[in-house]
Amino acid sequence: MDISRDTLNRLEKGDGTIALGTYMRALHVLGLEKDFDIVARDDELSRKLQELNLPQPHTSRGTDQERGGGGASHG
């Protein structure tokens, strides 16, 4: 497969950081590349996450006023 032993170990453990192409090469070597269509078609977890339509995390930090704070009071 032309990958390191470490990458192969991580692939076997289902490491989510392994590139999709590496998984595809592994399926090809094992003669299972056509099974990828079955896995992709029956992805219940992704379907459920899409149905939940969870709000995206808010990454920008607004001003104190936007966050509801009045800032420091003077007086």
N, C-alpha and C. Protein backbone atom coordinates (compact mmCIF):
# COMPACT_ATOMS: atom_id res chain seq x y z
N MET A 1 0.83 -1.21 0.00
CA MET A 1 0.00 0.00 0.00
C MET A 1 0.86 1.25 0.00
N ASP A 2 2.14 1.09 0.27
CA ASP A 2 3.06 2.21 0.27
C ASP A 2 2.72 3.21 1.37
N ILE A 3 2.45 2.69 2.59
CA ILE A 3 2.22 3.54 3.77
C ILE A 3 3.08 3.01 4.91
N SER A 4 3.30 3.83 5.91
CA SER A 4 4.12 3.41 7.05
C SER A 4 3.35 2.43 7.94
N ARG A 5 4.10 1.71 8.76
CA ARG A 5 3.46 0.78 9.71
C ARG A 5 2.57 1.54 10.69
N ASP A 6 3.02 2.72 11.10
CA ASP A 6 2.23 3.53 12.00
C ASP A 6 0.88 3.90 11.37
N THR A 7 0.92 4.31 10.11
CA THR A 7 -0.32 4.66 9.41
C THR A 7 -1.22 3.44 9.29
N LEU A 8 -0.64 2.29 8.97
CA LEU A 8 -1.42 1.06 8.87
C LEU A 8 -2.06 0.71 10.20
N ASN A 9 -1.31 0.83 11.29
CA ASN A 9 -1.87 0.56 12.62
C ASN A 9 -3.03 1.50 12.93
N ARG A 10 -2.84 2.80 12.62
CA ARG A 10 -3.91 3.77 12.86
C ARG A 10 -5.12 3.49 11.99
N LEU A 11 -4.88 3.07 10.75
CA LEU A 11 -5.98 2.73 9.84
C LEU A 11 -6.77 1.55 10.40
N GLU A 12 -6.07 0.54 10.89
CA GLU A 12 -6.74 -0.64 11.43
C GLU A 12 -7.56 -0.31 12.67
N LYS A 13 -7.15 0.71 13.41
CA LYS A 13 -7.88 1.12 14.60
C LYS A 13 -9.02 2.09 14.29
N GLY A 14 -9.13 2.50 13.02
CA GLY A 14 -10.21 3.40 12.63
C GLY A 14 -9.93 4.86 12.92
N ASP A 15 -8.67 5.24 12.96
CA ASP A 15 -8.28 6.62 13.22
C ASP A 15 -8.93 7.55 12.21
N GLY A 16 -9.64 8.55 12.70
CA GLY A 16 -10.36 9.48 11.84
C GLY A 16 -9.47 10.46 11.11
N THR A 17 -8.18 10.49 11.42
CA THR A 17 -7.29 11.43 10.75
C THR A 17 -6.62 10.83 9.52
N ILE A 18 -6.87 9.55 9.26
CA ILE A 18 -6.29 8.90 8.08
C ILE A 18 -7.00 9.43 6.82
N ALA A 19 -6.24 9.72 5.80
CA ALA A 19 -6.81 10.26 4.56
C ALA A 19 -7.74 9.24 3.91
N LEU A 20 -8.80 9.75 3.34
CA LEU A 20 -9.77 8.89 2.67
C LEU A 20 -9.11 8.07 1.56
N GLY A 21 -8.15 8.66 0.87
CA GLY A 21 -7.44 7.94 -0.19
C GLY A 21 -6.71 6.72 0.34
N THR A 22 -6.20 6.81 1.56
CA THR A 22 -5.53 5.67 2.17
C THR A 22 -6.52 4.55 2.44
N TYR A 23 -7.70 4.90 2.92
CA TYR A 23 -8.74 3.89 3.11
C TYR A 23 -9.12 3.25 1.77
N MET A 24 -9.22 4.08 0.75
CA MET A 24 -9.59 3.55 -0.56
C MET A 24 -8.52 2.59 -1.09
N ARG A 25 -7.24 2.94 -0.90
CA ARG A 25 -6.16 2.03 -1.33
C ARG A 25 -6.24 0.71 -0.58
N ALA A 26 -6.53 0.78 0.73
CA ALA A 26 -6.65 -0.45 1.52
C ALA A 26 -7.80 -1.30 1.01
N LEU A 27 -8.92 -0.68 0.72
CA LEU A 27 -10.05 -1.44 0.17
C LEU A 27 -9.69 -2.07 -1.16
N HIS A 28 -8.94 -1.34 -1.99
CA HIS A 28 -8.53 -1.86 -3.30
C HIS A 28 -7.60 -3.08 -3.13
N VAL A 29 -6.63 -2.95 -2.23
CA VAL A 29 -5.69 -4.06 -1.98
C VAL A 29 -6.45 -5.30 -1.51
N LEU A 30 -7.47 -5.09 -0.70
CA LEU A 30 -8.25 -6.20 -0.18
C LEU A 30 -9.34 -6.68 -1.13
N GLY A 31 -9.47 -5.98 -2.28
CA GLY A 31 -10.50 -6.35 -3.24
C GLY A 31 -11.90 -5.95 -2.80
N LEU A 32 -11.97 -4.93 -1.96
CA LEU A 32 -13.26 -4.50 -1.40
C LEU A 32 -13.66 -3.10 -1.82
N GLU A 33 -13.01 -2.53 -2.85
CA GLU A 33 -13.29 -1.14 -3.21
C GLU A 33 -14.75 -0.90 -3.57
N LYS A 34 -15.43 -1.91 -4.08
CA LYS A 34 -16.86 -1.73 -4.43
C LYS A 34 -17.72 -1.63 -3.17
N ASP A 35 -17.22 -2.15 -2.05
CA ASP A 35 -17.97 -2.07 -0.80
C ASP A 35 -18.06 -0.64 -0.26
N PHE A 36 -17.18 0.23 -0.72
CA PHE A 36 -17.23 1.62 -0.26
C PHE A 36 -18.58 2.25 -0.60
N ASP A 37 -19.12 1.93 -1.75
CA ASP A 37 -20.44 2.45 -2.13
C ASP A 37 -21.50 2.02 -1.13
N ILE A 38 -21.41 0.80 -0.63
CA ILE A 38 -22.38 0.30 0.34
C ILE A 38 -22.25 1.07 1.65
N VAL A 39 -21.02 1.27 2.09
CA VAL A 39 -20.78 2.00 3.33
C VAL A 39 -21.29 3.44 3.21
N ALA A 40 -20.98 4.08 2.11
CA ALA A 40 -21.39 5.48 1.91
C ALA A 40 -22.91 5.61 1.81
N ARG A 41 -23.53 4.65 1.21
CA ARG A 41 -24.98 4.70 1.02
C ARG A 41 -25.71 4.51 2.35
N ASP A 42 -25.14 3.72 3.24
CA ASP A 42 -25.81 3.37 4.49
C ASP A 42 -25.13 4.06 5.67
N ASP A 43 -24.93 5.35 5.58
CA ASP A 43 -24.25 6.12 6.63
C ASP A 43 -25.30 6.73 7.55
N GLU A 44 -25.79 5.94 8.49
CA GLU A 44 -26.86 6.39 9.38
C GLU A 44 -26.45 7.55 10.28
N LEU A 45 -25.21 7.52 10.78
CA LEU A 45 -24.77 8.58 11.68
C LEU A 45 -24.80 9.94 11.00
N SER A 46 -24.25 10.02 9.79
CA SER A 46 -24.25 11.30 9.08
C SER A 46 -25.68 11.76 8.79
N ARG A 47 -26.53 10.82 8.45
CA ARG A 47 -27.93 11.16 8.17
C ARG A 47 -28.58 11.74 9.42
N LYS A 48 -28.36 11.11 10.57
CA LYS A 48 -28.96 11.59 11.81
C LYS A 48 -28.42 12.97 12.18
N LEU A 49 -27.12 13.18 11.99
CA LEU A 49 -26.54 14.49 12.29
C LEU A 49 -27.13 15.58 11.39
N GLN A 50 -27.35 15.25 10.13
CA GLN A 50 -27.95 16.22 9.22
C GLN A 50 -29.38 16.53 9.63
N GLU A 51 -30.11 15.51 10.08
CA GLU A 51 -31.49 15.71 10.50
C GLU A 51 -31.57 16.60 11.74
N LEU A 52 -30.59 16.46 12.62
CA LEU A 52 -30.57 17.30 13.82
C LEU A 52 -30.33 18.76 13.50
N ASN A 53 -29.61 18.99 12.39
CA ASN A 53 -29.30 20.35 11.95
C ASN A 53 -28.79 21.19 13.11
N LEU A 54 -27.75 20.66 13.76
CA LEU A 54 -27.18 21.34 14.92
C LEU A 54 -26.60 22.69 14.52
N PRO A 55 -26.77 23.69 15.38
CA PRO A 55 -26.20 25.01 15.06
C PRO A 55 -24.68 24.93 15.05
N GLN A 56 -24.08 25.73 14.20
CA GLN A 56 -22.63 25.78 14.10
C GLN A 56 -22.08 26.57 15.27
N PRO A 57 -20.92 26.17 15.78
CA PRO A 57 -20.33 26.93 16.89
C PRO A 57 -20.00 28.34 16.48
N HIS A 58 -20.22 29.27 17.38
CA HIS A 58 -19.95 30.68 17.12
C HIS A 58 -18.47 30.92 17.40
N THR A 59 -17.73 31.30 16.37
CA THR A 59 -16.28 31.41 16.52
C THR A 59 -15.80 32.84 16.71
N SER A 60 -16.55 33.83 16.26
CA SER A 60 -16.07 35.21 16.42
C SER A 60 -16.49 35.75 17.77
N ARG A 61 -15.65 36.57 18.32
CA ARG A 61 -15.96 37.17 19.62
C ARG A 61 -16.44 38.58 19.39
N GLY A 62 -17.65 38.86 19.80
CA GLY A 62 -18.20 40.19 19.63
C GLY A 62 -17.73 41.13 20.72
N THR A 63 -18.23 42.35 20.69
CA THR A 63 -17.89 43.32 21.72
C THR A 63 -18.64 42.98 22.99
N ASP A 64 -18.30 43.63 24.09
CA ASP A 64 -19.01 43.41 25.34
C ASP A 64 -20.50 43.70 25.18
N GLN A 65 -20.84 44.73 24.43
CA GLN A 65 -22.24 45.08 24.23
C GLN A 65 -22.98 43.95 23.50
N GLU A 66 -22.32 43.37 22.48
CA GLU A 66 -22.96 42.30 21.72
C GLU A 66 -23.16 41.06 22.58
N ARG A 67 -22.25 40.82 23.54
CA ARG A 67 -22.36 39.66 24.40
C ARG A 67 -23.30 39.92 25.58
N GLY A 68 -23.79 41.13 25.70
CA GLY A 68 -24.73 41.45 26.76
C GLY A 68 -24.08 42.10 27.97
N GLY A 69 -22.77 42.26 27.94
CA GLY A 69 -22.08 42.91 29.04
C GLY A 69 -22.01 44.39 28.81
N GLY A 70 -21.97 45.15 29.86
CA GLY A 70 -21.92 46.60 29.73
C GLY A 70 -20.51 47.14 29.80
N GLY A 71 -19.56 46.23 29.99
CA GLY A 71 -18.19 46.72 30.13
C GLY A 71 -17.99 47.24 31.55
N ALA A 72 -16.88 47.85 31.77
CA ALA A 72 -16.59 48.39 33.10
C ALA A 72 -17.41 49.64 33.35
N SER A 73 -17.92 49.76 34.56
CA SER A 73 -18.70 50.97 34.86
C SER A 73 -17.76 52.01 35.48
N HIS A 74 -17.96 53.23 35.13
CA HIS A 74 -17.13 54.31 35.64
C HIS A 74 -18.01 55.19 36.51
N GLY A 75 -17.56 55.48 37.76
CA GLY A 75 -18.34 56.42 38.51
C GLY A 75 -18.41 56.22 39.91
